[in-house]
N, C-alpha and C. Protein backbone atom coordinates (compact mmCIF):
# COMPACT_ATOMS: atom_id res chain seq x y z
N MET A 1 -10.11 -3.85 -31.70
CA MET A 1 -11.37 -3.40 -31.17
C MET A 1 -11.09 -2.47 -29.99
N LYS A 2 -11.88 -1.42 -29.86
CA LYS A 2 -11.76 -0.49 -28.74
C LYS A 2 -12.80 -0.86 -27.69
N ILE A 3 -12.33 -0.95 -26.45
CA ILE A 3 -13.20 -1.37 -25.35
C ILE A 3 -13.11 -0.35 -24.23
N ALA A 4 -14.26 0.01 -23.67
CA ALA A 4 -14.32 0.90 -22.52
C ALA A 4 -14.99 0.18 -21.37
N ILE A 5 -14.39 0.30 -20.19
CA ILE A 5 -14.96 -0.29 -18.98
C ILE A 5 -15.24 0.87 -18.03
N VAL A 6 -16.49 1.00 -17.60
CA VAL A 6 -16.89 2.06 -16.67
C VAL A 6 -17.14 1.42 -15.31
N ILE A 7 -16.48 1.96 -14.29
CA ILE A 7 -16.63 1.42 -12.93
C ILE A 7 -17.17 2.53 -12.04
N CYS A 8 -18.25 2.23 -11.32
CA CYS A 8 -18.91 3.23 -10.47
C CYS A 8 -19.06 2.75 -9.03
N GLN A 9 -18.29 1.73 -8.64
CA GLN A 9 -18.44 1.17 -7.29
C GLN A 9 -17.12 1.19 -6.55
N ASP A 10 -17.20 1.17 -5.24
CA ASP A 10 -15.98 1.12 -4.42
C ASP A 10 -15.84 -0.23 -3.72
N ILE A 11 -16.31 -1.26 -4.38
CA ILE A 11 -16.18 -2.63 -3.86
C ILE A 11 -14.87 -3.19 -4.40
N PRO A 12 -13.91 -3.51 -3.52
CA PRO A 12 -12.59 -3.95 -3.98
C PRO A 12 -12.63 -5.10 -4.97
N GLU A 13 -13.48 -6.08 -4.76
CA GLU A 13 -13.53 -7.23 -5.66
C GLU A 13 -14.00 -6.83 -7.07
N VAL A 14 -14.92 -5.90 -7.15
CA VAL A 14 -15.41 -5.42 -8.45
C VAL A 14 -14.28 -4.72 -9.20
N LEU A 15 -13.57 -3.83 -8.51
CA LEU A 15 -12.44 -3.13 -9.12
C LEU A 15 -11.34 -4.10 -9.54
N TRP A 16 -11.04 -5.05 -8.69
CA TRP A 16 -10.00 -6.04 -8.96
C TRP A 16 -10.34 -6.84 -10.22
N ASN A 17 -11.57 -7.30 -10.32
CA ASN A 17 -11.99 -8.07 -11.50
C ASN A 17 -11.98 -7.21 -12.76
N ALA A 18 -12.34 -5.94 -12.65
CA ALA A 18 -12.33 -5.06 -13.82
C ALA A 18 -10.90 -4.85 -14.31
N PHE A 19 -9.96 -4.61 -13.40
CA PHE A 19 -8.57 -4.45 -13.81
C PHE A 19 -8.00 -5.73 -14.38
N ARG A 20 -8.35 -6.86 -13.80
CA ARG A 20 -7.88 -8.14 -14.34
C ARG A 20 -8.40 -8.37 -15.75
N LEU A 21 -9.69 -8.12 -15.97
CA LEU A 21 -10.29 -8.26 -17.29
C LEU A 21 -9.61 -7.33 -18.30
N ALA A 22 -9.41 -6.10 -17.90
CA ALA A 22 -8.77 -5.12 -18.79
C ALA A 22 -7.36 -5.55 -19.15
N ASN A 23 -6.61 -6.06 -18.18
CA ASN A 23 -5.24 -6.53 -18.45
C ASN A 23 -5.24 -7.72 -19.40
N MET A 24 -6.19 -8.62 -19.25
CA MET A 24 -6.28 -9.76 -20.17
C MET A 24 -6.61 -9.29 -21.59
N MET A 25 -7.47 -8.29 -21.70
CA MET A 25 -7.81 -7.76 -23.01
C MET A 25 -6.61 -7.08 -23.66
N LEU A 26 -5.80 -6.39 -22.87
CA LEU A 26 -4.60 -5.76 -23.41
C LEU A 26 -3.64 -6.80 -23.93
N GLU A 27 -3.55 -7.95 -23.26
CA GLU A 27 -2.70 -9.03 -23.74
C GLU A 27 -3.17 -9.53 -25.10
N GLY A 28 -4.46 -9.43 -25.37
CA GLY A 28 -5.04 -9.83 -26.64
C GLY A 28 -4.99 -8.73 -27.69
N MET A 29 -4.20 -7.68 -27.41
CA MET A 29 -3.97 -6.58 -28.34
C MET A 29 -5.21 -5.71 -28.58
N GLU A 30 -6.07 -5.61 -27.61
CA GLU A 30 -7.24 -4.72 -27.71
C GLU A 30 -6.86 -3.34 -27.17
N ASP A 31 -7.55 -2.29 -27.60
CA ASP A 31 -7.40 -0.96 -27.04
C ASP A 31 -8.41 -0.84 -25.91
N VAL A 32 -7.91 -0.68 -24.67
CA VAL A 32 -8.80 -0.70 -23.51
C VAL A 32 -8.68 0.61 -22.73
N THR A 33 -9.83 1.15 -22.36
CA THR A 33 -9.90 2.33 -21.51
C THR A 33 -10.76 1.99 -20.31
N ILE A 34 -10.28 2.36 -19.13
CA ILE A 34 -11.08 2.23 -17.90
C ILE A 34 -11.44 3.64 -17.45
N PHE A 35 -12.73 3.85 -17.22
CA PHE A 35 -13.21 5.12 -16.71
C PHE A 35 -13.72 4.90 -15.29
N LEU A 36 -13.07 5.55 -14.32
CA LEU A 36 -13.47 5.45 -12.92
C LEU A 36 -14.41 6.61 -12.61
N ASN A 37 -15.57 6.29 -12.04
CA ASN A 37 -16.58 7.29 -11.78
C ASN A 37 -17.04 7.18 -10.33
N GLY A 38 -17.31 8.31 -9.71
CA GLY A 38 -17.83 8.31 -8.34
C GLY A 38 -16.85 7.72 -7.34
N PRO A 39 -17.33 6.81 -6.49
CA PRO A 39 -16.49 6.27 -5.42
C PRO A 39 -15.33 5.41 -5.92
N SER A 40 -15.37 4.93 -7.15
CA SER A 40 -14.29 4.08 -7.65
C SER A 40 -12.99 4.86 -7.87
N VAL A 41 -13.08 6.20 -7.90
CA VAL A 41 -11.89 7.02 -8.09
C VAL A 41 -10.88 6.79 -6.95
N LYS A 42 -11.35 6.42 -5.79
CA LYS A 42 -10.49 6.21 -4.62
C LYS A 42 -10.01 4.76 -4.52
N TYR A 43 -9.80 4.11 -5.66
CA TYR A 43 -9.43 2.69 -5.68
C TYR A 43 -8.13 2.42 -4.93
N GLU A 44 -7.20 3.38 -4.91
CA GLU A 44 -5.92 3.16 -4.24
C GLU A 44 -6.10 2.95 -2.74
N GLU A 45 -7.11 3.57 -2.15
CA GLU A 45 -7.38 3.41 -0.72
C GLU A 45 -7.92 2.02 -0.40
N LEU A 46 -8.42 1.31 -1.40
CA LEU A 46 -9.02 -0.01 -1.21
C LEU A 46 -8.02 -1.13 -1.45
N ASP A 47 -6.78 -0.78 -1.77
CA ASP A 47 -5.73 -1.77 -2.04
C ASP A 47 -5.48 -2.63 -0.81
N SER A 48 -5.32 -3.93 -1.02
CA SER A 48 -5.02 -4.87 0.07
C SER A 48 -4.24 -6.05 -0.50
N THR A 49 -3.81 -6.94 0.36
CA THR A 49 -3.09 -8.11 -0.13
C THR A 49 -4.04 -9.04 -0.90
N GLN A 50 -5.28 -9.07 -0.51
CA GLN A 50 -6.26 -9.91 -1.21
C GLN A 50 -6.62 -9.32 -2.58
N PHE A 51 -6.72 -7.99 -2.65
CA PHE A 51 -7.07 -7.30 -3.88
C PHE A 51 -6.01 -6.23 -4.18
N PRO A 52 -4.91 -6.61 -4.84
CA PRO A 52 -3.80 -5.68 -5.11
C PRO A 52 -4.13 -4.71 -6.25
N LEU A 53 -4.96 -3.74 -5.96
CA LEU A 53 -5.45 -2.82 -6.98
C LEU A 53 -4.37 -1.92 -7.54
N ILE A 54 -3.46 -1.46 -6.70
CA ILE A 54 -2.40 -0.57 -7.17
C ILE A 54 -1.49 -1.31 -8.15
N GLU A 55 -1.15 -2.54 -7.83
CA GLU A 55 -0.29 -3.35 -8.71
C GLU A 55 -0.97 -3.57 -10.07
N LEU A 56 -2.25 -3.93 -10.05
CA LEU A 56 -2.97 -4.18 -11.30
C LEU A 56 -3.13 -2.90 -12.12
N SER A 57 -3.34 -1.78 -11.46
CA SER A 57 -3.47 -0.52 -12.19
C SER A 57 -2.15 -0.11 -12.83
N LYS A 58 -1.04 -0.38 -12.15
CA LYS A 58 0.28 -0.09 -12.74
C LYS A 58 0.53 -0.96 -13.97
N ILE A 59 0.20 -2.23 -13.86
CA ILE A 59 0.35 -3.13 -15.01
C ILE A 59 -0.51 -2.63 -16.16
N PHE A 60 -1.72 -2.20 -15.85
CA PHE A 60 -2.64 -1.71 -16.88
C PHE A 60 -2.07 -0.50 -17.61
N THR A 61 -1.62 0.49 -16.86
CA THR A 61 -1.12 1.72 -17.49
C THR A 61 0.21 1.49 -18.20
N LEU A 62 1.07 0.63 -17.66
CA LEU A 62 2.35 0.34 -18.31
C LEU A 62 2.15 -0.49 -19.59
N SER A 63 1.02 -1.17 -19.69
CA SER A 63 0.71 -1.96 -20.88
C SER A 63 -0.07 -1.15 -21.91
N GLU A 64 -0.03 0.18 -21.76
CA GLU A 64 -0.66 1.13 -22.68
C GLU A 64 -2.18 1.16 -22.58
N GLY A 65 -2.72 0.76 -21.43
CA GLY A 65 -4.14 0.97 -21.18
C GLY A 65 -4.36 2.40 -20.76
N GLU A 66 -5.54 2.93 -21.01
CA GLU A 66 -5.84 4.31 -20.67
C GLU A 66 -6.76 4.32 -19.45
N LEU A 67 -6.32 5.01 -18.40
CA LEU A 67 -7.08 5.09 -17.15
C LEU A 67 -7.57 6.53 -16.99
N LEU A 68 -8.89 6.69 -16.96
CA LEU A 68 -9.51 8.01 -16.82
C LEU A 68 -10.32 8.06 -15.55
N ALA A 69 -10.34 9.25 -14.94
CA ALA A 69 -11.14 9.44 -13.72
C ALA A 69 -11.77 10.82 -13.75
């Protein structure tokens, strides 16, 4: 199944949960695409120890997920 996740917010917890969900779907052999729109494009600036967005995005792209902005 092909799945697209569209994120339009710059709330770290929202981005973190979206990347976690996408990574879990990739483990289940789904085709997953994340589309970052508006303020969510700057997700790297929101990275923190509580919400490791850069780490999750690397796992996502290395697991053959497609990240669009």
